[in-house]
Amino acid sequence: QVQLVESGGGLVQAGGSLRLSCAARGNLYRINDMGWYRQAPGKQRELVATISSGYKTNQADSAKGRFTIARDSTKNTVYLQMNSLKREDTAVYYCNADIVADATGHYWGQGTQVTVSS
């Protein structure tokens, strides 16, 4: 059984930084795209950034210049480095991965809360 396990959320002041991690655990064969999404209260889940197995990245406009997505394929882990955080970045952040396994599909992490205070 494959799971995505997230860590690294928390409370930070505006202008601060956080680093999120998401590790894929279980018996899997390959991970294709990995990414981060977020959902603020009362809003729909939105894309933050994705990274392909070839390390090509894609970011939402709101993340460009402030957030960096990276992955360590040897650890089946994706990271999101968030700098210059703003109050509007407050949300639950979810990891997503396209995983080839006995049960192939798109997997979601449990979500980690990021709260940015003024």
C-alpha atoms as a PDB file:
ATOM      1  CA  GLN A   1       0.000   0.000   0.000  1.00  0.00           C
ATOM      2  CA  VAL A   2       1.417   3.356  -1.047  1.00  0.00           C
ATOM      3  CA  GLN A   3       1.123   6.449   1.140  1.00  0.00           C
ATOM      4  CA  LEU A   4       2.319  10.030   0.924  1.00  0.00           C
ATOM      5  CA  VAL A   5       3.479  11.358   4.268  1.00  0.00           C
ATOM      6  CA  GLU A   6       3.888  15.103   4.662  1.00  0.00           C
ATOM      7  CA  SER A   7       5.745  17.132   7.236  1.00  0.00           C
ATOM      8  CA  GLY A   8       7.008  20.640   7.821  1.00  0.00           C
ATOM      9  CA  GLY A   9       3.937  22.809   8.202  1.00  0.00           C
ATOM     10  CA  GLY A  10       3.416  25.222  11.044  1.00  0.00           C
ATOM     11  CA  LEU A  11       2.989  28.809  12.145  1.00  0.00           C
ATOM     12  CA  VAL A  12       5.326  31.458  10.787  1.00  0.00           C
ATOM     13  CA  GLN A  13       5.383  35.237  10.677  1.00  0.00           C
ATOM     14  CA  ALA A  14       4.938  37.066   7.410  1.00  0.00           C
ATOM     15  CA  GLY A  15       8.246  37.263   5.587  1.00  0.00           C
ATOM     16  CA  GLY A  16       9.436  34.015   7.098  1.00  0.00           C
ATOM     17  CA  SER A  17      10.199  30.640   5.552  1.00  0.00           C
ATOM     18  CA  LEU A  18       9.033  27.060   5.808  1.00  0.00           C
ATOM     19  CA  ARG A  19      10.082  23.863   4.109  1.00  0.00           C
ATOM     20  CA  LEU A  20       7.543  21.144   3.426  1.00  0.00           C
ATOM     21  CA  SER A  21       8.482  17.540   2.757  1.00  0.00           C
ATOM     22  CA  CYS A  22       6.465  14.674   1.333  1.00  0.00           C
ATOM     23  CA  ALA A  23       7.742  11.115   1.188  1.00  0.00           C
ATOM     24  CA  ALA A  24       6.153   8.287  -0.758  1.00  0.00           C
ATOM     25  CA  ARG A  25       6.206   5.076   1.260  1.00  0.00           C
ATOM     26  CA  GLY A  26       5.287   1.556   0.320  1.00  0.00           C
ATOM     27  CA  ASN A  27       5.933  -0.817  -2.498  1.00  0.00           C
ATOM     28  CA  LEU A  28       6.063   1.257  -5.681  1.00  0.00           C
ATOM     29  CA  TYR A  29       7.760   0.929  -9.034  1.00  0.00           C
ATOM     30  CA  ARG A  30       8.081   4.495 -10.238  1.00  0.00           C
ATOM     31  CA  ILE A  31       6.956   8.042  -9.474  1.00  0.00           C
ATOM     32  CA  ASN A  32       6.135  10.338 -12.359  1.00  0.00           C
ATOM     33  CA  ASP A  33       5.010  13.900 -11.592  1.00  0.00           C
ATOM     34  CA  MET A  34       4.979  15.128  -8.003  1.00  0.00           C
ATOM     35  CA  GLY A  35       3.493  18.356  -6.793  1.00  0.00           C
ATOM     36  CA  TRP A  36       2.039  20.584  -4.132  1.00  0.00           C
ATOM     37  CA  TYR A  37      -1.453  21.993  -3.944  1.00  0.00           C
ATOM     38  CA  ARG A  38      -3.121  24.121  -1.319  1.00  0.00           C
ATOM     39  CA  GLN A  39      -6.595  24.874  -0.087  1.00  0.00           C
ATOM     40  CA  ALA A  40      -7.482  27.953   1.908  1.00  0.00           C
ATOM     41  CA  PRO A  41     -10.690  28.170   3.942  1.00  0.00           C
ATOM     42  CA  GLY A  42     -13.680  28.680   1.693  1.00  0.00           C
ATOM     43  CA  LYS A  43     -11.637  28.281  -1.476  1.00  0.00           C
ATOM     44  CA  GLN A  44     -10.994  25.516  -3.968  1.00  0.00           C
ATOM     45  CA  ARG A  45      -7.804  23.503  -3.962  1.00  0.00           C
ATOM     46  CA  GLU A  46      -5.238  25.105  -6.239  1.00  0.00           C
ATOM     47  CA  LEU A  47      -1.933  24.177  -7.799  1.00  0.00           C
ATOM     48  CA  VAL A  48       1.218  25.531  -6.181  1.00  0.00           C
ATOM     49  CA  ALA A  49       3.985  23.739  -8.073  1.00  0.00           C
ATOM     50  CA  THR A  50       4.795  20.485  -9.815  1.00  0.00           C
ATOM     51  CA  ILE A  51       7.979  18.694 -10.800  1.00  0.00           C
ATOM     52  CA  SER A  52       8.346  15.910 -13.327  1.00  0.00           C
ATOM     53  CA  SER A  53      10.513  12.832 -13.097  1.00  0.00           C
ATOM     54  CA  GLY A  54      12.880  14.729 -15.379  1.00  0.00           C
ATOM     55  CA  TYR A  55      12.966  17.625 -12.895  1.00  0.00           C
ATOM     56  CA  LYS A  56      10.987  20.019 -15.068  1.00  0.00           C
ATOM     57  CA  THR A  57       9.058  22.376 -12.827  1.00  0.00           C
ATOM     58  CA  ASN A  58       5.827  24.309 -13.151  1.00  0.00           C
ATOM     59  CA  GLN A  59       4.637  26.938 -10.692  1.00  0.00           C
ATOM     60  CA  ALA A  60       1.580  29.020 -10.079  1.00  0.00           C
ATOM     61  CA  ASP A  61       2.100  32.741 -10.545  1.00  0.00           C
ATOM     62  CA  SER A  62       1.585  33.247  -6.820  1.00  0.00           C
ATOM     63  CA  ALA A  63       4.565  30.975  -6.102  1.00  0.00           C
ATOM     64  CA  LYS A  64       7.045  32.277  -8.648  1.00  0.00           C
ATOM     65  CA  GLY A  65      10.063  33.952  -7.126  1.00  0.00           C
ATOM     66  CA  ARG A  66       9.173  32.837  -3.597  1.00  0.00           C
ATOM     67  CA  PHE A  67       8.637  29.064  -3.628  1.00  0.00           C
ATOM     68  CA  THR A  68      10.941  26.361  -4.937  1.00  0.00           C
ATOM     69  CA  ILE A  69       9.947  22.779  -5.605  1.00  0.00           C
ATOM     70  CA  ALA A  70      12.543  20.024  -5.632  1.00  0.00           C
ATOM     71  CA  ARG A  71      12.654  16.263  -5.431  1.00  0.00           C
ATOM     72  CA  ASP A  72      15.042  13.559  -4.329  1.00  0.00           C
ATOM     73  CA  SER A  73      14.212  10.524  -6.399  1.00  0.00           C
ATOM     74  CA  THR A  74      16.494   8.311  -4.308  1.00  0.00           C
ATOM     75  CA  LYS A  75      14.248   9.057  -1.329  1.00  0.00           C
ATOM     76  CA  ASN A  76      10.932   9.256  -3.210  1.00  0.00           C
ATOM     77  CA  THR A  77      10.526  12.683  -1.649  1.00  0.00           C
ATOM     78  CA  VAL A  78       9.365  16.061  -2.885  1.00  0.00           C
ATOM     79  CA  TYR A  79      10.058  19.340  -1.116  1.00  0.00           C
ATOM     80  CA  LEU A  80       8.573  22.809  -1.179  1.00  0.00           C
ATOM     81  CA  GLN A  81      10.774  25.609   0.062  1.00  0.00           C
ATOM     82  CA  MET A  82       8.618  28.628   0.798  1.00  0.00           C
ATOM     83  CA  ASN A  83      10.244  32.007   1.372  1.00  0.00           C
ATOM     84  CA  SER A  84       8.844  35.493   1.866  1.00  0.00           C
ATOM     85  CA  LEU A  85       5.598  34.031   3.108  1.00  0.00           C
ATOM     86  CA  LYS A  86       2.481  36.167   3.061  1.00  0.00           C
ATOM     87  CA  ARG A  87      -0.757  35.932   5.005  1.00  0.00           C
ATOM     88  CA  GLU A  88      -2.519  34.841   1.837  1.00  0.00           C
ATOM     89  CA  ASP A  89      -0.302  31.753   1.746  1.00  0.00           C
ATOM     90  CA  THR A  90      -2.193  30.440   4.756  1.00  0.00           C
ATOM     91  CA  ALA A  91      -3.767  27.131   3.723  1.00  0.00           C
ATOM     92  CA  VAL A  92      -3.612  23.382   4.061  1.00  0.00           C
ATOM     93  CA  TYR A  93      -0.903  22.156   1.713  1.00  0.00           C
ATOM     94  CA  TYR A  94      -1.312  18.799   0.023  1.00  0.00           C
ATOM     95  CA  CYS A  95       1.272  16.672  -1.697  1.00  0.00           C
ATOM     96  CA  ASN A  96       0.288  14.816  -4.853  1.00  0.00           C
ATOM     97  CA  ALA A  97       2.127  12.173  -6.830  1.00  0.00           C
ATOM     98  CA  ASP A  98       1.474  10.086  -9.917  1.00  0.00           C
ATOM     99  CA  ILE A  99       2.696   6.689  -8.781  1.00  0.00           C
ATOM    100  CA  VAL A 100       3.145   3.461 -10.654  1.00  0.00           C
ATOM    101  CA  ALA A 101       2.497   0.623  -8.231  1.00  0.00           C
ATOM    102  CA  ASP A 102       0.242  -2.397  -7.885  1.00  0.00           C
ATOM    103  CA  ALA A 103      -2.460   0.247  -7.420  1.00  0.00           C
ATOM    104  CA  THR A 104      -1.329   2.840  -9.941  1.00  0.00           C
ATOM    105  CA  GLY A 105      -2.791   6.305  -9.726  1.00  0.00           C
ATOM    106  CA  HIS A 106      -2.673   9.788  -8.270  1.00  0.00           C
ATOM    107  CA  TYR A 107      -2.069   9.782  -4.544  1.00  0.00           C
ATOM    108  CA  TRP A 108      -2.643  12.584  -2.055  1.00  0.00           C
ATOM    109  CA  GLY A 109      -0.986  13.292   1.240  1.00  0.00           C
ATOM    110  CA  GLN A 110      -2.978  13.963   4.380  1.00  0.00           C
ATOM    111  CA  GLY A 111      -2.315  17.691   4.238  1.00  0.00           C
ATOM    112  CA  THR A 112      -0.243  19.954   6.433  1.00  0.00           C
ATOM    113  CA  GLN A 113      -1.378  23.300   7.807  1.00  0.00           C
ATOM    114  CA  VAL A 114       0.622  26.414   7.025  1.00  0.00           C
ATOM    115  CA  THR A 115      -0.406  29.531   8.896  1.00  0.00           C
ATOM    116  CA  VAL A 116       1.222  32.879   8.224  1.00  0.00           C
ATOM    117  CA  SER A 117       0.639  35.582  10.801  1.00  0.00           C
ATOM    118  CA  SER A 118       1.115  39.312  10.375  1.00  0.00           C
END
